[in-house]
Protein backbone atom coordinates (compact mmCIF):
# COMPACT_ATOMS: atom_id res chain seq x y z
CA MET A 1 0.00 0.00 0.00
CA ALA A 2 1.26 3.47 -0.89
CA LYS A 3 2.67 5.58 1.95
CA ILE A 4 2.59 9.29 2.80
CA CYS A 5 5.96 11.01 3.13
CA LEU A 6 6.40 14.43 4.73
CA CYS A 7 9.10 16.49 3.02
CA LEU A 8 11.06 18.39 5.71
CA THR A 9 12.54 21.63 4.41
CA GLY A 10 13.34 23.57 7.57
CA LYS A 11 16.60 25.46 8.01
CA THR A 12 17.38 23.66 11.27
CA ILE A 13 17.07 20.14 12.66
CA GLU A 14 14.99 21.58 15.50
CA LYS A 15 12.49 23.10 13.06
CA ASP A 16 12.19 19.84 11.11
CA LEU A 17 11.54 17.89 14.31
CA GLU A 18 8.95 20.46 15.38
CA ILE A 19 7.11 20.08 12.06
CA LEU A 20 7.38 16.29 12.16
CA LYS A 21 5.96 16.13 15.68
CA LYS A 22 2.98 18.22 14.60
CA TYR A 23 2.16 16.10 11.55
CA GLN A 24 3.51 12.67 12.51
CA LYS A 25 0.08 11.06 12.91
CA TYR A 26 -0.73 11.85 9.28
CA VAL A 27 2.42 10.40 7.69
CA ASP A 28 4.23 7.08 7.38
CA LEU A 29 7.75 8.40 6.82
CA ALA A 30 9.69 11.64 6.43
CA GLU A 31 12.23 12.95 3.95
CA LEU A 32 15.06 14.98 5.50
CA ARG A 33 16.01 17.52 2.83
CA VAL A 34 19.55 18.20 3.95
CA ASP A 35 20.00 20.67 1.09
CA TYR A 36 17.59 23.05 2.87
CA LEU A 37 19.49 22.94 6.18
CA GLU A 38 21.90 25.70 7.15
CA PRO A 39 25.55 24.61 6.69
CA ASP A 40 26.24 24.14 10.43
CA GLU A 41 23.04 22.10 10.84
CA ARG A 42 24.16 19.63 8.19
CA LEU A 43 26.84 18.35 10.56
CA HIS A 44 24.18 16.82 12.84
CA ILE A 45 22.08 14.79 10.41
CA ARG A 46 23.32 11.38 11.58
CA ARG A 47 21.12 11.35 14.71
CA PHE A 48 18.00 12.48 12.91
CA PRO A 49 16.41 9.02 12.30
CA GLU A 50 16.53 8.23 16.03
CA GLN A 51 15.12 11.66 16.88
CA ALA A 52 12.38 11.36 14.28
CA GLY A 53 11.00 8.06 15.50
CA ILE A 54 9.69 7.07 12.07
CA PRO A 55 11.44 5.88 8.88
CA VAL A 56 13.40 8.69 7.22
CA ILE A 57 14.68 9.26 3.67
CA LEU A 58 18.08 10.97 3.41
CA THR A 59 18.04 13.38 0.46
CA ILE A 60 20.57 16.01 -0.62
CA ARG A 61 19.23 17.45 -3.86
CA ARG A 62 21.36 19.61 -6.17
CA ASP A 63 19.94 22.87 -7.51
CA LEU A 64 20.17 21.41 -11.02
CA ASP A 65 17.69 18.73 -9.96
CA GLY A 66 15.28 21.13 -8.27
CA GLY A 67 16.99 21.22 -4.87
CA GLN A 68 18.98 23.80 -2.89
CA PHE A 69 22.45 22.27 -2.71
CA THR A 70 24.94 24.46 -4.60
CA GLY A 71 28.25 22.97 -3.42
CA GLY A 72 30.46 20.56 -5.35
CA GLU A 73 29.84 16.83 -5.69
CA GLY A 74 32.69 16.09 -3.30
CA ALA A 75 31.00 18.07 -0.54
CA ARG A 76 27.67 16.40 -1.25
CA ILE A 77 29.17 12.90 -1.15
CA SER A 78 30.85 13.80 2.14
CA LEU A 79 27.43 14.75 3.56
CA PHE A 80 25.94 11.45 2.41
CA SER A 81 28.84 9.71 4.16
CA LYS A 82 28.11 11.56 7.41
CA GLY A 83 24.48 10.52 7.23
CA LEU A 84 25.26 6.84 6.65
CA ALA A 85 28.32 6.56 8.88
CA PHE A 86 28.44 4.63 12.18
CA ALA A 87 25.39 2.57 11.25
CA ASP A 88 23.62 0.98 14.20
CA VAL A 89 22.53 -2.64 14.45
CA ASP A 90 19.09 -1.26 15.33
CA PRO A 91 17.75 -0.17 11.91
CA ARG A 92 15.43 2.38 13.54
CA ARG A 93 18.52 4.49 14.29
CA ASN A 94 19.60 4.50 10.65
CA PHE A 95 18.10 6.20 7.64
CA ALA A 96 15.50 3.86 6.14
CA TYR A 97 16.20 5.16 2.60
CA VAL A 98 18.85 7.20 0.83
CA ASP A 99 18.03 9.01 -2.41
CA PHE A 100 20.81 8.75 -5.04
CA GLU A 101 20.23 10.26 -8.47
CA GLU A 102 20.68 7.95 -11.44
CA TYR A 103 24.06 9.48 -12.31
CA LEU A 104 25.47 9.25 -8.76
CA ASN A 105 27.39 5.98 -8.51
CA ILE A 106 29.26 5.56 -5.23
CA PRO A 107 29.82 1.80 -4.71
CA SER A 108 31.28 2.23 -1.22
CA LEU A 109 28.26 4.19 0.06
CA GLU A 110 25.85 1.86 -1.67
CA GLU A 111 27.51 -1.12 0.02
CA VAL A 112 27.30 0.54 3.44
CA ALA A 113 23.63 1.36 2.87
CA ARG A 114 22.74 -2.19 1.88
CA THR A 115 24.75 -3.74 4.70
CA PHE A 116 22.74 -1.91 7.34
CA GLY A 117 19.31 -2.10 5.69
CA THR A 118 19.13 1.38 4.18
CA ARG A 119 17.22 1.02 0.92
CA ILE A 120 18.50 2.98 -2.06
CA ILE A 121 16.06 5.16 -4.01
CA ARG A 122 17.44 5.58 -7.53
CA SER A 123 15.91 8.84 -8.71
CA TYR A 124 15.47 10.76 -11.93
CA HIS A 125 13.99 14.26 -12.20
CA ASN A 126 12.90 15.93 -15.41
CA MET A 127 12.07 19.51 -14.45
CA LYS A 128 11.28 20.52 -18.05
CA GLY A 129 8.80 17.94 -19.29
CA VAL A 130 7.86 14.27 -19.65
CA ASP A 131 10.23 11.87 -21.39
CA ASP A 132 9.05 10.42 -24.70
CA ASP A 133 9.91 6.89 -23.58
CA LEU A 134 8.91 7.09 -19.94
CA VAL A 135 8.45 3.33 -19.64
CA GLY A 136 11.99 2.86 -20.92
CA ARG A 137 13.28 5.42 -18.45
CA ILE A 138 11.60 3.61 -15.52
CA LYS A 139 12.97 0.26 -16.65
CA SER A 140 16.50 1.66 -17.15
CA LEU A 141 16.55 2.86 -13.53
CA ASN A 142 15.57 -0.60 -12.31
CA ARG A 143 19.18 -1.82 -12.40
CA VAL A 144 19.41 -3.57 -9.04
CA GLY A 145 16.52 -5.55 -7.64
CA ASP A 146 16.60 -4.12 -4.14
CA GLU A 147 16.51 -0.46 -5.25
CA LEU A 148 13.37 1.66 -5.36
CA VAL A 149 12.99 3.54 -8.63
CA LYS A 150 11.86 7.17 -8.44
CA VAL A 151 10.79 9.17 -11.50
CA ALA A 152 9.48 12.73 -11.16
CA VAL A 153 8.50 14.62 -14.32
CA MET A 154 6.91 17.98 -15.14
CA PRO A 155 3.78 17.73 -17.30
CA HIS A 156 2.75 20.71 -19.41
CA THR A 157 -0.51 19.26 -20.70
CA MET A 158 -3.09 16.68 -19.65
CA GLU A 159 -1.74 14.52 -22.48
CA ASP A 160 1.54 14.42 -20.54
CA VAL A 161 -0.33 13.30 -17.40
CA LEU A 162 -2.07 10.60 -19.42
CA ARG A 163 1.32 9.30 -20.59
CA VAL A 164 2.51 9.13 -16.98
CA PHE A 165 -0.57 7.14 -15.95
CA LYS A 166 0.02 4.77 -18.87
CA ALA A 167 3.68 4.36 -17.90
CA GLY A 168 2.63 3.54 -14.35
CA TRP A 169 0.16 0.92 -15.55
CA GLU A 170 2.77 -0.65 -17.87
CA THR A 171 5.38 -0.96 -15.09
CA MET A 172 3.25 -2.23 -12.21
CA GLU A 173 5.74 -5.03 -11.59
CA ILE A 174 8.52 -2.54 -10.76
CA ASP A 175 8.92 -1.10 -7.23
CA LYS A 176 8.74 2.61 -7.89
CA ILE A 177 7.77 6.13 -6.97
CA LEU A 178 6.15 7.91 -9.92
CA ILE A 179 5.20 11.57 -9.65
CA CYS A 180 3.90 14.34 -11.87
CA MET A 181 5.19 17.61 -10.45
CA GLY A 182 3.28 20.87 -10.73
CA HIS A 183 -0.40 21.76 -10.68
CA LEU A 184 -1.43 19.26 -13.38
CA GLY A 185 0.14 16.42 -11.40
CA LEU A 186 -2.23 16.63 -8.43
CA PRO A 187 -4.23 13.47 -9.26
CA THR A 188 -1.02 11.39 -9.48
CA ARG A 189 -0.28 12.21 -5.84
CA ILE A 190 -3.75 11.24 -4.62
CA LEU A 191 -3.99 8.14 -6.81
CA ALA A 192 -0.45 6.87 -6.20
CA GLU A 193 -1.83 3.38 -5.57
CA HIS A 194 -3.34 3.34 -9.06
CA LEU A 195 0.05 4.18 -10.59
CA GLY A 196 1.84 1.47 -8.66
CA SER A 197 3.68 4.28 -6.86
CA GLN A 198 4.79 3.37 -3.33
CA ILE A 199 5.23 6.87 -1.87
CA SER A 200 3.37 10.17 -2.20
CA TYR A 201 5.26 13.27 -1.02
CA THR A 202 3.57 16.05 0.95
CA SER A 203 4.66 19.44 2.30
CA VAL A 204 3.43 21.71 5.06
CA ARG A 205 1.29 24.66 3.98
CA GLY A 206 1.01 28.03 5.71
CA ASP A 207 4.24 28.13 7.75
CA PRO A 208 6.04 31.42 6.93
CA THR A 209 9.40 29.97 8.05
CA LEU A 210 9.26 27.22 5.41
CA PRO A 211 9.47 27.39 1.61
CA GLU A 212 6.15 27.76 -0.17
CA ILE A 213 4.50 24.40 -0.84
CA PRO A 214 5.22 23.26 -4.42
CA LEU A 215 2.34 23.38 -6.89
CA GLY A 216 0.45 20.12 -6.95
CA GLN A 217 1.61 18.96 -3.52
CA LEU A 218 -0.89 18.52 -0.74
CA ASP A 219 -0.67 19.16 2.97
CA PRO A 220 -0.15 15.84 4.85
CA GLN A 221 -3.35 16.27 6.87
CA GLU A 222 -5.29 17.03 3.69
CA LEU A 223 -3.99 13.93 1.90
CA SER A 224 -4.46 11.68 4.93
CA GLU A 225 -7.82 12.86 6.29
CA LEU A 226 -9.67 14.60 3.47
CA TYR A 227 -8.70 12.19 0.69
CA ARG A 228 -8.32 9.19 3.07
CA PHE A 229 -5.22 8.25 1.07
CA ARG A 230 -4.44 5.05 2.97
CA THR A 231 -7.86 3.57 2.24
CA ILE A 232 -7.63 4.01 -1.55
CA THR A 233 -7.39 0.65 -3.32
CA SER A 234 -8.25 -0.76 -6.72
CA LYS A 235 -11.79 -1.31 -5.40
CA THR A 236 -12.33 2.30 -4.30
CA ARG A 237 -15.04 4.09 -6.29
CA LEU A 238 -13.55 7.10 -8.04
CA PHE A 239 -15.24 10.43 -8.71
CA GLY A 240 -13.69 13.73 -9.70
CA ILE A 241 -13.94 17.24 -11.03
CA ILE A 242 -12.49 18.52 -14.29
CA GLY A 243 -11.71 22.16 -14.89
CA TYR A 244 -8.83 24.54 -15.55
CA PRO A 245 -6.98 25.94 -13.72
CA LEU A 246 -9.18 24.48 -10.94
CA LYS A 247 -7.44 26.35 -8.13
CA ALA A 248 -10.60 27.43 -6.29
CA THR A 249 -13.08 24.60 -5.84
CA SER A 250 -14.85 23.42 -2.69
CA SER A 251 -16.23 20.26 -4.30
CA PRO A 252 -13.44 17.89 -3.10
CA PRO A 253 -13.96 18.82 0.59
CA PHE A 254 -17.74 18.51 0.20
CA PHE A 255 -17.75 15.05 -1.38
CA ASN A 256 -14.80 13.55 0.48
CA ARG A 257 -16.14 14.60 3.89
CA LEU A 258 -19.51 13.18 2.91
CA PHE A 259 -17.96 9.88 1.81
CA GLY A 260 -16.05 9.76 5.09
CA LEU A 261 -19.17 10.37 7.20
CA GLN A 262 -20.87 7.50 5.36
CA ASN A 263 -17.82 5.20 5.61
CA MET A 264 -18.11 4.86 1.85
CA ASP A 265 -15.15 3.40 -0.05
CA ALA A 266 -14.99 6.31 -2.48
CA VAL A 267 -12.79 9.32 -3.22
CA TYR A 268 -13.37 12.53 -5.18
CA VAL A 269 -10.27 13.76 -7.01
CA PRO A 270 -9.50 17.13 -8.67
CA PHE A 271 -8.29 16.85 -12.27
CA PRO A 272 -6.83 20.18 -13.47
CA ALA A 273 -7.00 19.56 -17.22
CA ASP A 274 -6.08 21.77 -20.15
CA SER A 275 -8.28 19.66 -22.47
CA VAL A 276 -11.20 17.26 -22.19
CA GLU A 277 -10.06 14.30 -24.32
CA PRO A 278 -7.04 13.11 -22.29
CA PHE A 279 -9.01 13.49 -19.07
CA LEU A 280 -11.74 11.23 -20.43
CA LYS A 281 -9.13 8.66 -21.46
CA ILE A 282 -7.71 8.69 -17.92
CA ALA A 283 -11.24 8.56 -16.49
CA ASP A 284 -12.17 5.58 -18.67
CA THR A 285 -9.04 3.65 -17.73
CA LEU A 286 -9.29 4.45 -14.02
CA GLY A 287 -12.97 3.62 -14.05
CA LEU A 288 -14.32 6.96 -12.80
CA ALA A 289 -17.97 6.57 -11.89
CA GLY A 290 -18.80 10.25 -12.32
CA ALA A 291 -17.36 13.75 -12.46
CA SER A 292 -18.29 17.36 -11.95
CA VAL A 293 -17.53 19.63 -14.89
CA THR A 294 -16.58 23.24 -14.32
CA VAL A 295 -15.04 26.18 -16.19
CA PRO A 296 -14.21 26.08 -19.08
CA TYR A 297 -15.64 22.70 -20.12
CA LYS A 298 -19.39 22.91 -19.50
CA GLU A 299 -20.01 23.32 -23.23
CA THR A 300 -17.01 21.50 -24.75
CA ILE A 301 -17.92 18.29 -22.87
CA LEU A 302 -21.17 17.97 -24.85
CA PRO A 303 -19.81 16.15 -27.96
CA HIS A 304 -18.37 13.44 -25.70
CA LEU A 305 -21.73 12.48 -24.19
CA VAL A 306 -23.75 9.51 -25.46
CA LYS A 307 -26.85 10.93 -23.80
CA SER A 308 -27.85 14.09 -21.97
CA SER A 309 -30.80 15.28 -19.90
CA LYS A 310 -33.49 17.55 -21.29
CA GLN A 311 -32.04 20.38 -19.21
CA VAL A 312 -28.60 19.93 -20.76
CA GLN A 313 -30.13 19.88 -24.23
CA ALA A 314 -32.13 23.02 -23.54
CA ILE A 315 -29.33 24.91 -21.77
CA GLY A 316 -26.44 23.81 -23.97
CA ALA A 317 -24.18 23.23 -20.97
CA CYS A 318 -23.41 20.31 -18.67
CA ASN A 319 -21.82 20.30 -15.21
CA THR A 320 -22.24 16.63 -14.24
CA ILE A 321 -21.27 13.45 -16.09
CA VAL A 322 -22.02 9.89 -15.03
CA TYR A 323 -20.44 6.80 -16.55
CA THR A 324 -22.68 4.04 -17.91
CA PRO A 325 -21.80 0.91 -19.92
CA GLN A 326 -22.81 2.85 -23.04
CA GLY A 327 -20.65 5.88 -22.22
CA TRP A 328 -20.94 9.24 -20.45
CA VAL A 329 -24.35 10.72 -19.67
CA GLY A 330 -24.65 14.44 -18.91
CA TYR A 331 -26.78 16.43 -16.47
CA ASN A 332 -27.02 20.06 -15.36
CA ALA A 333 -27.23 20.69 -11.62
CA ASP A 334 -26.25 24.37 -11.93
CA ALA A 335 -29.70 25.46 -13.05
CA PRO A 336 -31.77 24.21 -10.08
CA GLY A 337 -28.90 24.99 -7.71
CA PHE A 338 -28.88 28.61 -8.88
CA SER A 339 -32.64 29.24 -8.88
CA GLY A 340 -33.22 27.48 -5.56
CA SER A 341 -30.54 29.56 -3.88
CA LEU A 342 -31.58 32.95 -5.28
CA LEU A 343 -35.32 32.43 -4.87
CA ASP A 344 -34.88 31.42 -1.24
CA PHE A 345 -32.73 34.52 -0.73
CA ILE A 346 -35.34 36.91 -2.14
CA GLY A 347 -38.29 35.00 -0.66
CA LYS A 348 -40.03 34.35 -4.00
CA LYS A 349 -41.19 31.29 -5.94
CA SER A 350 -40.47 32.74 -9.37
CA PHE A 351 -38.77 35.69 -11.09
CA MET A 352 -42.05 37.08 -12.42
CA GLY A 353 -41.94 40.86 -12.50
CA LYS A 354 -38.16 40.91 -12.00
CA ARG A 355 -35.85 42.56 -14.53
CA ILE A 356 -32.45 40.98 -14.28
CA THR A 357 -28.94 41.55 -15.64
CA ILE A 358 -26.82 38.47 -16.28
CA ILE A 359 -23.09 39.16 -16.59
CA GLY A 360 -21.37 36.58 -18.79
CA ALA A 361 -22.41 34.16 -21.52
CA GLY A 362 -20.55 30.96 -20.65
CA GLY A 363 -21.77 27.60 -19.39
CA VAL A 364 -23.02 28.86 -16.02
CA ALA A 365 -24.67 31.89 -17.63
CA ARG A 366 -26.56 29.51 -19.91
CA ALA A 367 -27.99 27.69 -16.88
CA VAL A 368 -28.89 31.01 -15.22
CA ALA A 369 -30.59 32.35 -18.36
CA PHE A 370 -32.56 29.11 -18.72
CA GLU A 371 -33.87 29.35 -15.16
CA VAL A 372 -34.66 33.07 -15.38
CA HIS A 373 -36.72 32.40 -18.51
CA ARG A 374 -38.36 29.25 -17.09
CA LEU A 375 -39.36 31.15 -13.96
CA HIS A 376 -40.84 34.09 -15.92
CA GLY A 377 -38.14 36.73 -15.48
CA LYS A 378 -36.95 39.28 -18.06
CA ALA A 379 -33.22 39.67 -18.58
CA LEU A 380 -30.36 41.56 -20.14
CA ILE A 381 -27.22 39.60 -20.95
CA LEU A 382 -23.90 41.45 -20.99
CA ASN A 383 -20.63 39.88 -22.09
CA ARG A 384 -17.17 41.08 -23.07
CA THR A 385 -17.70 39.39 -26.45
CA ALA A 386 -20.97 40.88 -27.61
CA PHE A 387 -21.87 38.21 -30.17
CA ARG A 388 -21.88 35.54 -27.43
CA ALA A 389 -24.30 37.66 -25.41
CA ARG A 390 -26.42 38.08 -28.54
CA ASP A 391 -26.47 34.33 -29.28
CA LEU A 392 -27.52 33.41 -25.74
CA ALA A 393 -30.07 36.22 -25.46
CA GLY A 394 -31.63 35.24 -28.78
CA ILE A 395 -32.73 31.87 -27.39
CA TYR A 396 -35.03 33.56 -24.86
CA ARG A 397 -35.65 36.91 -26.58
CA PHE A 398 -33.68 38.67 -23.87
CA ALA A 399 -31.92 42.01 -24.33
CA TRP A 400 -28.15 41.89 -24.83
CA GLY A 401 -25.08 44.05 -25.05
CA ALA A 402 -21.35 44.34 -24.54
CA MET A 403 -19.77 45.35 -21.25
CA ASP A 404 -19.25 48.91 -22.45
CA VAL A 405 -20.92 52.27 -21.89
CA ALA A 406 -23.95 51.33 -23.99
CA GLY A 407 -24.33 48.00 -22.21
CA ILE A 408 -24.05 49.61 -18.77
CA LYS A 409 -26.72 52.12 -19.77
CA LEU A 410 -29.10 49.25 -20.60
CA MET A 411 -28.78 48.03 -17.03
CA ASP A 412 -30.94 50.94 -15.84
CA LYS A 413 -33.95 48.91 -17.04
CA TYR A 414 -32.67 45.54 -15.77
CA ASN A 415 -31.29 46.09 -12.29
CA ASP A 416 -33.78 44.53 -9.88
CA ILE A 417 -31.32 41.65 -9.68
CA ILE A 418 -27.75 41.50 -11.01
CA ILE A 419 -26.12 38.08 -11.41
CA GLN A 420 -22.37 37.81 -12.01
CA THR A 421 -21.47 34.45 -13.64
CA THR A 422 -17.90 34.93 -14.89
CA SER A 423 -14.64 33.91 -13.18
CA ALA A 424 -13.59 37.56 -12.77
CA GLY A 425 -12.82 38.13 -9.08
CA MET A 426 -12.06 34.47 -8.30
CA GLU A 427 -9.01 33.50 -6.22
CA GLY A 428 -5.98 34.31 -8.34
CA HIS A 429 -7.87 37.23 -9.94
CA THR A 430 -9.29 38.88 -6.84
CA GLU A 431 -8.28 42.36 -7.99
CA ILE A 432 -10.74 42.23 -10.91
CA ASP A 433 -14.19 43.84 -10.81
CA PRO A 434 -16.01 42.69 -13.98
CA LEU A 435 -18.34 45.69 -14.02
CA GLU A 436 -16.42 48.46 -12.29
CA SER A 437 -18.07 51.25 -14.30
CA TYR A 438 -21.57 50.36 -13.06
CA LYS A 439 -22.70 52.51 -10.14
CA PHE A 440 -24.94 50.62 -7.71
CA ALA A 441 -28.03 52.53 -6.59
CA GLY A 442 -28.47 50.43 -3.45
CA HIS A 443 -31.84 48.84 -4.30
CA GLU A 444 -30.36 45.98 -6.36
CA THR A 445 -30.12 42.39 -5.23
CA VAL A 446 -26.64 41.27 -6.32
CA MET A 447 -25.51 37.67 -6.68
CA ASP A 448 -21.96 36.65 -7.58
CA LEU A 449 -21.63 32.93 -8.30
CA ILE A 450 -18.03 32.97 -7.03
CA TYR A 451 -17.60 31.69 -3.46
CA LYS A 452 -13.81 31.96 -3.07
CA PRO A 453 -13.23 34.64 -1.89
CA GLU A 454 -16.41 34.94 0.13
CA GLN A 455 -16.84 38.51 -1.11
CA THR A 456 -15.41 39.58 -4.46
CA LEU A 457 -14.62 43.24 -5.15
CA PHE A 458 -17.89 43.30 -7.09
CA LEU A 459 -19.89 42.15 -4.04
CA GLN A 460 -17.96 44.42 -1.67
CA ARG A 461 -18.80 47.41 -3.81
CA ALA A 462 -22.45 46.38 -4.02
CA GLU A 463 -22.75 45.91 -0.25
CA LYS A 464 -21.10 49.26 0.41
CA ALA A 465 -23.77 50.88 -1.76
CA GLY A 466 -26.51 49.26 0.35
CA CYS A 467 -27.40 46.31 -1.90
CA ARG A 468 -28.40 42.88 -0.59
CA ILE A 469 -25.66 40.47 -1.67
CA LEU A 470 -25.33 36.71 -2.13
CA ASN A 471 -22.31 34.64 -3.14
CA GLY A 472 -22.26 31.25 -4.83
CA LEU A 473 -21.61 28.98 -1.84
CA ASP A 474 -25.23 28.05 -1.22
CA MET A 475 -25.69 27.39 -4.95
CA LEU A 476 -22.58 25.18 -4.90
CA ASN A 477 -23.94 23.11 -2.00
CA ARG A 478 -27.32 22.71 -3.65
CA GLN A 479 -25.90 21.57 -6.97
CA ALA A 480 -23.39 19.29 -5.21
CA LYS A 481 -26.27 17.52 -3.45
CA LEU A 482 -27.92 16.96 -6.82
CA GLN A 483 -24.63 15.68 -8.25
CA TYR A 484 -24.41 13.20 -5.38
CA GLU A 485 -27.82 11.86 -6.39
CA TYR A 486 -26.76 11.61 -10.05
CA PHE A 487 -23.47 9.90 -9.11
CA LEU A 488 -24.92 7.34 -6.72
CA GLY A 489 -28.53 7.02 -7.84
CA THR A 490 -29.83 7.61 -4.33
CA GLU A 491 -31.27 10.50 -2.31
CA PHE A 492 -28.86 12.88 -0.63
CA PRO A 493 -28.52 12.11 3.11
CA GLU A 494 -29.83 15.49 4.30
CA PRO A 495 -29.20 14.79 8.04
CA LEU A 496 -25.45 14.88 7.27
CA SER A 497 -25.59 18.42 5.83
CA LYS A 498 -24.89 20.04 9.19
CA LEU A 499 -21.71 17.97 9.58
CA LEU A 500 -20.15 18.99 6.24
């Protein structure tokens, strides 16, 4: 079974031990990154395994391989020697593993390591991409039977991630650690067991004295408790979410906490994907049972569906896919999630008599426009690209315009409710106000479908003017409950809502 390793990158031994003590219950082993230690601290690494109390990997990574060590190879080999010297007959007092790059051949140190039960990790790092013949690379590193192969590569596309999954599946017989670095590689860290990868590395988030957590790495508590990493097996039901860049989504916490409360052998995995096709290939091979679909794929997923609900057909957007023996079936949970949330907020059962501005013309805007029309509202659709606003508005005979002076002027007739559906203002773009030239009068009800941050600049400005405001969190929870029902074919366990 795959293990969780905590990467220790403190400047002092004391700091590393402090971090390890705090997170020890979430991890199976630790990696002492000697290259991050201050020079004087490096003299005391030999006692670290005994102090740590759990198996430890000894790693001294050069800057050329993504580490911090800038000295010569002689100095680095000397440090390895210090770490492995005076080996104890009690293996718990020795390093459990030592990480040697593929090019580092030191027979004397290798012999010492093997004699006292320290397993050699033979590692290869490609910081620039994914090797064309990744299977060949893995097999070439498997030179000695007792070594553990480690290959870490940097994908630039979801096609690269797909190739890594395939390489993992084709080398299941080899003891290995296989990692996709960076943001796109997140699912490879959660689904290490499915790659035949024996270790998944984690780092501590939010400590100002430590280096920033690398993209794609998870906090050890998050991997252990939220994703229940140690319970993931080939029999675990897999669900996920596809989107890009997918840096602000609350769906994984919602579903994984729910699965945990139900003791369900299932996990919900984020798949940051720059295109739909390779994700679906990975999903088919992994056997994903269902997935949420978010920006920007709610429309581009449609050609890949063998069947879709009447809502999806009417809206032209899909945010939920469920696998069947015939292929993927699509649903739209955004529409009822949106209308249920906003109608409850304003205390109405329909939008009759309401004149509404919808900002945006993407997949979510399509669901919003559908519900506004279905529930008897009148609307204006504004979008940066005017022809997209025109095309969506034409379906329902709504007014439309660009997000310019003329478009803003039209809002005077459609400002009972203003609904912001774009990603402008989301985490990573929090400085953006999508409609900064509009002056709120104070009587408007303003809904922004973003929920991270809790209040966008757009909502802050509306509230300051006296408007009633609503973010997208309640909508998210409502549509997630519907997705649960689509995924599992059963009613949502409402009594558990208060525990999520």
